[in-house]
């Protein structure tokens, strides 16, 4: 039974990735207007990775068993935090919400080392801001 579930999941991600490559990205990602890096580059790379991984899961399903209910409750908590953060970002902006979001997610996954918390909550949001606003010349929320 696990193999058929893996194959169905793989088929979903293969179709999803290909739909992103051929339908969604060309229709919804702006054509480049200058800048050093096309805004379509990263979405295309990620969509192809998703497609290839889905195809590999179809060809070679895993033997893992389904996780228990606790796993799904943790996943629901992550989704709730991310959803709340997206809403907060629309109100307060990326600069204020991203460090808090990074810190909360890192604490939720059990990271407690101060150096890594600092890197994740300060350095990574700053790097994302720099990459998007300076290199890609695109705006972030807020």
N, C-alpha and C. Protein backbone atom coordinates (compact mmCIF):
# COMPACT_ATOMS: atom_id res chain seq x y z
N UNK A 1 0.83 -1.20 0.00
CA UNK A 1 0.00 0.00 0.00
C UNK A 1 0.87 1.26 0.00
N UNK A 2 2.00 1.22 0.69
CA UNK A 2 2.88 2.38 0.76
C UNK A 2 3.40 2.76 -0.62
N UNK A 3 3.75 1.76 -1.42
CA UNK A 3 4.28 2.04 -2.74
C UNK A 3 3.29 2.79 -3.61
N UNK A 4 1.99 2.40 -3.55
CA UNK A 4 1.01 3.09 -4.38
C UNK A 4 0.80 4.52 -3.89
N UNK A 5 0.86 4.75 -2.59
CA UNK A 5 0.73 6.11 -2.07
C UNK A 5 1.92 6.95 -2.50
N UNK A 6 3.11 6.38 -2.46
CA UNK A 6 4.30 7.10 -2.92
C UNK A 6 4.20 7.41 -4.41
N UNK A 7 3.72 6.47 -5.18
CA UNK A 7 3.60 6.69 -6.63
C UNK A 7 2.57 7.77 -6.93
N UNK A 8 1.47 7.77 -6.20
CA UNK A 8 0.46 8.82 -6.39
C UNK A 8 1.02 10.19 -5.99
N UNK A 9 1.74 10.23 -4.90
CA UNK A 9 2.37 11.47 -4.46
C UNK A 9 3.39 11.94 -5.50
N UNK A 10 4.21 11.02 -5.99
CA UNK A 10 5.19 11.35 -7.01
C UNK A 10 4.53 11.88 -8.27
N UNK A 11 3.43 11.25 -8.69
CA UNK A 11 2.71 11.71 -9.88
C UNK A 11 2.15 13.12 -9.67
N UNK A 12 1.63 13.37 -8.47
CA UNK A 12 1.12 14.70 -8.17
C UNK A 12 2.22 15.74 -8.32
N UNK A 13 3.38 15.49 -7.72
CA UNK A 13 4.46 16.48 -7.76
C UNK A 13 5.08 16.59 -9.16
N UNK A 14 5.11 15.51 -9.90
CA UNK A 14 5.57 15.59 -11.28
C UNK A 14 4.66 16.49 -12.10
N UNK A 15 3.35 16.26 -12.00
CA UNK A 15 2.39 17.08 -12.75
C UNK A 15 2.39 18.52 -12.24
N UNK A 16 2.47 18.69 -10.93
CA UNK A 16 2.51 20.04 -10.35
C UNK A 16 3.73 20.81 -10.86
N UNK A 17 4.90 20.18 -10.80
CA UNK A 17 6.13 20.84 -11.25
C UNK A 17 6.07 21.21 -12.73
N UNK A 18 5.58 20.29 -13.55
CA UNK A 18 5.48 20.58 -14.98
C UNK A 18 4.46 21.68 -15.26
N UNK A 19 3.37 21.69 -14.51
CA UNK A 19 2.39 22.77 -14.67
C UNK A 19 3.01 24.11 -14.30
N UNK A 20 3.83 24.12 -13.26
CA UNK A 20 4.52 25.36 -12.89
C UNK A 20 5.45 25.81 -14.01
N UNK A 21 6.21 24.88 -14.60
CA UNK A 21 7.18 25.22 -15.64
C UNK A 21 6.49 25.74 -16.90
N UNK A 22 5.44 25.05 -17.33
CA UNK A 22 4.87 25.36 -18.64
C UNK A 22 3.65 26.28 -18.59
N UNK A 23 2.98 26.39 -17.45
CA UNK A 23 1.77 27.21 -17.39
C UNK A 23 1.87 28.40 -16.45
N UNK A 24 2.23 28.15 -15.21
CA UNK A 24 2.15 29.18 -14.18
C UNK A 24 3.28 30.20 -14.30
N UNK A 25 4.52 29.75 -14.34
CA UNK A 25 5.65 30.69 -14.35
C UNK A 25 5.64 31.58 -15.59
N UNK A 26 5.42 31.03 -16.79
CA UNK A 26 5.39 31.94 -17.95
C UNK A 26 4.24 32.95 -17.89
N UNK A 27 3.13 32.58 -17.26
CA UNK A 27 1.97 33.47 -17.22
C UNK A 27 2.05 34.50 -16.09
N UNK A 28 2.68 34.15 -14.98
CA UNK A 28 2.59 35.01 -13.80
C UNK A 28 3.89 35.62 -13.31
N UNK A 29 5.02 35.25 -13.88
CA UNK A 29 6.28 35.86 -13.47
C UNK A 29 6.65 36.89 -14.52
N UNK A 30 6.93 38.10 -14.07
CA UNK A 30 7.21 39.21 -14.98
C UNK A 30 8.42 38.93 -15.86
N UNK A 31 8.36 39.47 -17.07
CA UNK A 31 9.54 39.41 -17.94
C UNK A 31 10.59 40.35 -17.37
N UNK A 32 11.85 39.98 -17.50
CA UNK A 32 12.90 40.82 -16.90
C UNK A 32 12.99 42.20 -17.55
N UNK A 33 13.16 43.20 -16.71
CA UNK A 33 13.35 44.58 -17.17
C UNK A 33 14.70 45.06 -16.68
N UNK A 34 15.74 44.40 -17.08
CA UNK A 34 17.07 44.74 -16.58
C UNK A 34 17.39 43.92 -15.35
N UNK A 35 18.44 44.28 -14.70
CA UNK A 35 18.86 43.55 -13.52
C UNK A 35 19.85 42.47 -13.88
N UNK A 36 20.49 41.94 -12.87
CA UNK A 36 21.53 40.95 -13.10
C UNK A 36 21.00 39.53 -13.26
N UNK A 37 19.84 39.24 -12.68
CA UNK A 37 19.32 37.89 -12.65
C UNK A 37 17.84 37.93 -13.01
N UNK A 38 17.42 37.08 -13.91
CA UNK A 38 16.01 37.03 -14.31
C UNK A 38 15.15 36.54 -13.14
N UNK A 39 14.00 37.16 -12.92
CA UNK A 39 13.13 36.70 -11.84
C UNK A 39 12.56 35.30 -12.08
N UNK A 40 12.69 34.80 -13.30
CA UNK A 40 12.16 33.47 -13.62
C UNK A 40 13.16 32.35 -13.30
N UNK A 41 14.41 32.69 -13.07
CA UNK A 41 15.44 31.67 -12.91
C UNK A 41 15.16 30.74 -11.73
N UNK A 42 15.01 31.28 -10.54
CA UNK A 42 14.81 30.45 -9.35
C UNK A 42 13.50 29.67 -9.41
N UNK A 43 12.37 30.28 -9.81
CA UNK A 43 11.15 29.47 -9.91
C UNK A 43 11.27 28.30 -10.89
N UNK A 44 11.95 28.53 -12.02
CA UNK A 44 12.14 27.44 -12.97
C UNK A 44 12.99 26.32 -12.37
N UNK A 45 14.07 26.68 -11.70
CA UNK A 45 14.94 25.67 -11.09
C UNK A 45 14.17 24.85 -10.06
N UNK A 46 13.42 25.54 -9.20
CA UNK A 46 12.66 24.84 -8.15
C UNK A 46 11.58 23.95 -8.77
N UNK A 47 10.89 24.44 -9.78
CA UNK A 47 9.84 23.65 -10.43
C UNK A 47 10.43 22.40 -11.09
N UNK A 48 11.59 22.53 -11.73
CA UNK A 48 12.22 21.36 -12.33
C UNK A 48 12.67 20.36 -11.27
N UNK A 49 13.19 20.86 -10.15
CA UNK A 49 13.60 19.95 -9.07
C UNK A 49 12.39 19.19 -8.53
N UNK A 50 11.27 19.89 -8.34
CA UNK A 50 10.05 19.23 -7.87
C UNK A 50 9.60 18.17 -8.86
N UNK A 51 9.64 18.48 -10.15
CA UNK A 51 9.22 17.53 -11.18
C UNK A 51 10.11 16.29 -11.20
N UNK A 52 11.42 16.51 -11.17
CA UNK A 52 12.36 15.39 -11.21
C UNK A 52 12.20 14.51 -9.97
N UNK A 53 12.06 15.13 -8.81
CA UNK A 53 11.89 14.35 -7.57
C UNK A 53 10.58 13.57 -7.59
N UNK A 54 9.52 14.17 -8.13
CA UNK A 54 8.26 13.44 -8.28
C UNK A 54 8.41 12.24 -9.19
N UNK A 55 9.12 12.43 -10.31
CA UNK A 55 9.37 11.32 -11.22
C UNK A 55 10.18 10.22 -10.58
N UNK A 56 11.19 10.59 -9.80
CA UNK A 56 12.00 9.59 -9.10
C UNK A 56 11.18 8.82 -8.08
N UNK A 57 10.24 9.49 -7.41
CA UNK A 57 9.39 8.81 -6.44
C UNK A 57 8.46 7.82 -7.12
N UNK A 58 8.03 8.14 -8.34
CA UNK A 58 7.22 7.18 -9.10
C UNK A 58 8.04 5.95 -9.44
N UNK A 59 9.28 6.17 -9.89
CA UNK A 59 10.13 5.06 -10.31
C UNK A 59 10.65 4.21 -9.15
N UNK A 60 10.94 4.87 -8.02
CA UNK A 60 11.51 4.14 -6.88
C UNK A 60 10.82 4.60 -5.59
N UNK A 61 9.65 4.04 -5.30
CA UNK A 61 8.95 4.44 -4.07
C UNK A 61 9.70 3.98 -2.82
N UNK A 62 9.43 4.67 -1.73
CA UNK A 62 10.10 4.35 -0.47
C UNK A 62 9.40 3.18 0.23
N UNK A 63 10.00 2.74 1.32
CA UNK A 63 9.38 1.69 2.14
C UNK A 63 8.97 2.25 3.50
N UNK A 64 8.93 3.55 3.63
CA UNK A 64 8.59 4.17 4.91
C UNK A 64 7.12 3.99 5.24
N UNK A 65 6.85 3.95 6.54
CA UNK A 65 5.47 3.87 7.02
C UNK A 65 4.94 5.28 7.27
N UNK A 66 3.64 5.43 7.25
CA UNK A 66 3.02 6.73 7.51
C UNK A 66 3.31 7.17 8.94
N UNK A 67 3.60 8.46 9.15
CA UNK A 67 3.87 8.95 10.52
C UNK A 67 2.61 8.98 11.37
N UNK A 68 2.82 9.14 12.67
CA UNK A 68 1.70 9.18 13.61
C UNK A 68 1.01 10.56 13.59
N UNK A 69 -0.05 10.69 14.37
CA UNK A 69 -0.83 11.92 14.42
C UNK A 69 -0.05 13.12 14.94
N UNK A 70 0.91 12.89 15.82
CA UNK A 70 1.71 13.99 16.37
C UNK A 70 2.45 14.72 15.25
N UNK A 71 2.96 13.98 14.29
CA UNK A 71 3.65 14.57 13.15
C UNK A 71 2.72 15.51 12.38
N UNK A 72 1.50 15.10 12.16
CA UNK A 72 0.56 15.93 11.42
C UNK A 72 0.14 17.17 12.22
N UNK A 73 0.10 17.04 13.54
CA UNK A 73 -0.22 18.21 14.37
C UNK A 73 0.92 19.23 14.31
N UNK A 74 2.15 18.76 14.30
CA UNK A 74 3.30 19.66 14.15
C UNK A 74 3.26 20.35 12.79
N UNK A 75 2.93 19.60 11.76
CA UNK A 75 2.85 20.18 10.42
C UNK A 75 1.75 21.25 10.38
N UNK A 76 0.63 20.98 11.04
CA UNK A 76 -0.46 21.97 11.10
C UNK A 76 -0.02 23.23 11.84
N UNK A 77 0.79 23.06 12.88
CA UNK A 77 1.29 24.22 13.62
C UNK A 77 2.21 25.05 12.73
N UNK A 78 3.08 24.40 11.94
CA UNK A 78 3.94 25.14 11.01
C UNK A 78 3.12 25.91 9.99
N UNK A 79 2.09 25.26 9.46
CA UNK A 79 1.23 25.93 8.47
C UNK A 79 0.54 27.13 9.10
N UNK A 80 0.08 26.99 10.34
CA UNK A 80 -0.58 28.11 11.03
C UNK A 80 0.39 29.26 11.24
N UNK A 81 1.62 28.95 11.66
CA UNK A 81 2.63 30.00 11.86
C UNK A 81 2.94 30.70 10.54
N UNK A 82 3.11 29.93 9.48
CA UNK A 82 3.41 30.52 8.18
C UNK A 82 2.25 31.36 7.66
N UNK A 83 1.03 30.85 7.82
CA UNK A 83 -0.13 31.62 7.39
C UNK A 83 -0.28 32.92 8.16
N UNK A 84 -0.09 32.86 9.46
CA UNK A 84 -0.14 34.08 10.27
C UNK A 84 0.97 35.05 9.90
N UNK A 85 2.13 34.51 9.58
CA UNK A 85 3.25 35.37 9.18
C UNK A 85 2.99 36.06 7.85
N UNK A 86 2.40 35.34 6.92
CA UNK A 86 2.06 35.96 5.63
C UNK A 86 1.08 37.11 5.84
N UNK A 87 0.09 36.88 6.69
CA UNK A 87 -0.86 37.95 6.99
C UNK A 87 -0.15 39.12 7.69
N UNK A 88 0.69 38.82 8.66
CA UNK A 88 1.43 39.87 9.36
C UNK A 88 2.34 40.63 8.41
N UNK A 89 2.93 39.93 7.44
CA UNK A 89 3.79 40.59 6.47
C UNK A 89 3.01 41.58 5.62
N UNK A 90 1.76 41.26 5.32
CA UNK A 90 0.95 42.20 4.54
C UNK A 90 0.62 43.45 5.36
N UNK A 91 0.62 43.33 6.67
CA UNK A 91 0.33 44.48 7.54
C UNK A 91 1.58 45.27 7.90
N UNK A 92 2.65 44.56 8.28
CA UNK A 92 3.83 45.22 8.84
C UNK A 92 5.05 45.22 7.93
N UNK A 93 5.09 44.32 6.95
CA UNK A 93 6.21 44.27 6.03
C UNK A 93 7.20 43.18 6.33
N UNK A 94 7.98 42.83 5.31
CA UNK A 94 8.96 41.75 5.39
C UNK A 94 10.03 42.03 6.44
N UNK A 95 10.52 43.25 6.47
CA UNK A 95 11.65 43.58 7.35
C UNK A 95 11.34 43.32 8.82
N UNK A 96 10.09 43.55 9.23
CA UNK A 96 9.73 43.36 10.64
C UNK A 96 9.29 41.93 10.95
N UNK A 97 8.67 41.26 10.00
CA UNK A 97 8.09 39.95 10.27
C UNK A 97 9.08 38.81 10.03
N UNK A 98 9.91 38.90 8.99
CA UNK A 98 10.80 37.79 8.62
C UNK A 98 11.74 37.35 9.75
N UNK A 99 12.38 38.26 10.48
CA UNK A 99 13.24 37.79 11.57
C UNK A 99 12.47 37.05 12.67
N UNK A 100 11.28 37.54 12.98
CA UNK A 100 10.46 36.87 14.01
C UNK A 100 10.02 35.50 13.51
N UNK A 101 9.59 35.44 12.25
CA UNK A 101 9.18 34.16 11.67
C UNK A 101 10.33 33.16 11.70
N UNK A 102 11.51 33.59 11.28
CA UNK A 102 12.67 32.69 11.27
C UNK A 102 12.98 32.19 12.67
N UNK A 103 12.94 33.09 13.65
CA UNK A 103 13.22 32.70 15.02
C UNK A 103 12.19 31.69 15.54
N UNK A 104 10.92 31.95 15.29
CA UNK A 104 9.86 31.05 15.76
C UNK A 104 10.00 29.67 15.13
N UNK A 105 10.21 29.62 13.81
CA UNK A 105 10.36 28.33 13.14
C UNK A 105 11.59 27.58 13.67
N UNK A 106 12.69 28.30 13.87
CA UNK A 106 13.89 27.64 14.39
C UNK A 106 13.67 27.09 15.80
N UNK A 107 12.94 27.83 16.63
CA UNK A 107 12.63 27.33 17.97
C UNK A 107 11.69 26.13 17.90
N UNK A 108 10.74 26.16 16.95
CA UNK A 108 9.79 25.05 16.80
C UNK A 108 10.49 23.76 16.38
N UNK A 109 11.55 23.86 15.60
CA UNK A 109 12.24 22.64 15.17
C UNK A 109 13.30 22.20 16.18
N UNK A 110 13.46 22.97 17.25
CA UNK A 110 14.34 22.54 18.34
C UNK A 110 15.72 23.17 18.35
N UNK A 111 15.97 24.14 17.50
CA UNK A 111 17.28 24.80 17.50
C UNK A 111 17.39 25.68 18.74
N UNK A 112 18.48 25.53 19.49
CA UNK A 112 18.66 26.31 20.71
C UNK A 112 20.03 26.99 20.77
N UNK A 113 20.90 26.74 19.81
CA UNK A 113 22.23 27.34 19.83
C UNK A 113 22.14 28.81 19.44
N UNK A 114 22.63 29.70 20.30
CA UNK A 114 22.48 31.15 20.05
C UNK A 114 23.10 31.61 18.73
N UNK A 115 24.23 31.07 18.35
CA UNK A 115 24.86 31.49 17.10
C UNK A 115 23.96 31.19 15.90
N UNK A 116 23.42 29.97 15.86
CA UNK A 116 22.57 29.59 14.74
C UNK A 116 21.24 30.33 14.77
N UNK A 117 20.71 30.59 15.96
CA UNK A 117 19.49 31.40 16.06
C UNK A 117 19.73 32.80 15.51
N UNK A 118 20.90 33.36 15.83
CA UNK A 118 21.23 34.69 15.32
C UNK A 118 21.40 34.71 13.82
N UNK A 119 22.08 33.68 13.29
CA UNK A 119 22.28 33.60 11.84
C UNK A 119 20.93 33.45 11.15
N UNK A 120 20.10 32.57 11.66
CA UNK A 120 18.80 32.32 11.04
C UNK A 120 17.82 33.46 11.16
N UNK A 121 17.84 34.16 12.28
CA UNK A 121 16.86 35.22 12.52
C UNK A 121 17.32 36.58 12.05
N UNK A 122 18.62 36.78 11.88
CA UNK A 122 19.12 38.09 11.46
C UNK A 122 19.78 38.03 10.08
N UNK A 123 20.75 37.15 9.94
CA UNK A 123 21.53 37.10 8.69
C UNK A 123 20.70 36.61 7.50
N UNK A 124 19.92 35.56 7.66
CA UNK A 124 19.17 35.02 6.53
C UNK A 124 18.09 35.99 6.03
N UNK A 125 17.26 36.58 6.89
CA UNK A 125 16.31 37.56 6.36
C UNK A 125 17.01 38.75 5.68
N UNK A 126 18.15 39.17 6.23
CA UNK A 126 18.91 40.26 5.59
C UNK A 126 19.43 39.83 4.23
N UNK A 127 19.90 38.61 4.11
CA UNK A 127 20.39 38.11 2.82
C UNK A 127 19.26 38.00 1.81
N UNK A 128 18.09 37.54 2.25
CA UNK A 128 16.93 37.47 1.36
C UNK A 128 16.53 38.88 0.91
N UNK A 129 16.49 39.81 1.84
CA UNK A 129 16.15 41.19 1.48
C UNK A 129 17.14 41.72 0.45
N UNK A 130 18.43 41.50 0.67
CA UNK A 130 19.45 41.99 -0.25
C UNK A 130 19.30 41.34 -1.63
N UNK A 131 19.11 40.03 -1.66
CA UNK A 131 18.98 39.32 -2.92
C UNK A 131 17.77 39.83 -3.72
N UNK A 132 16.64 39.95 -3.06
CA UNK A 132 15.41 40.33 -3.77
C UNK A 132 15.40 41.81 -4.12
N UNK A 133 15.69 42.67 -3.17
CA UNK A 133 15.54 44.11 -3.44
C UNK A 133 16.72 44.70 -4.19
N UNK A 134 17.92 44.23 -3.94
CA UNK A 134 19.09 44.83 -4.58
C UNK A 134 19.50 44.11 -5.86
N UNK A 135 19.63 42.79 -5.82
CA UNK A 135 20.08 42.06 -7.00
C UNK A 135 18.97 41.86 -8.02
N UNK A 136 17.79 41.46 -7.54
CA UNK A 136 16.67 41.24 -8.46
C UNK A 136 15.88 42.52 -8.76
N UNK A 137 16.12 43.54 -7.94
CA UNK A 137 15.42 44.83 -8.07
C UNK A 137 13.91 44.67 -8.03
N UNK A 138 13.43 43.88 -7.06
CA UNK A 138 12.01 43.66 -6.84
C UNK A 138 11.66 44.09 -5.43
N UNK A 139 10.41 44.37 -5.19
CA UNK A 139 9.99 44.80 -3.88
C UNK A 139 9.51 43.63 -3.03
N UNK A 140 9.63 43.79 -1.74
CA UNK A 140 9.08 42.83 -0.77
C UNK A 140 7.91 43.51 -0.06
N UNK A 141 7.03 42.73 0.57
CA UNK A 141 5.88 43.32 1.26
C UNK A 141 6.31 44.35 2.29
N UNK A 142 5.56 45.43 2.35
CA UNK A 142 5.76 46.45 3.36
C UNK A 142 6.79 47.41 2.98
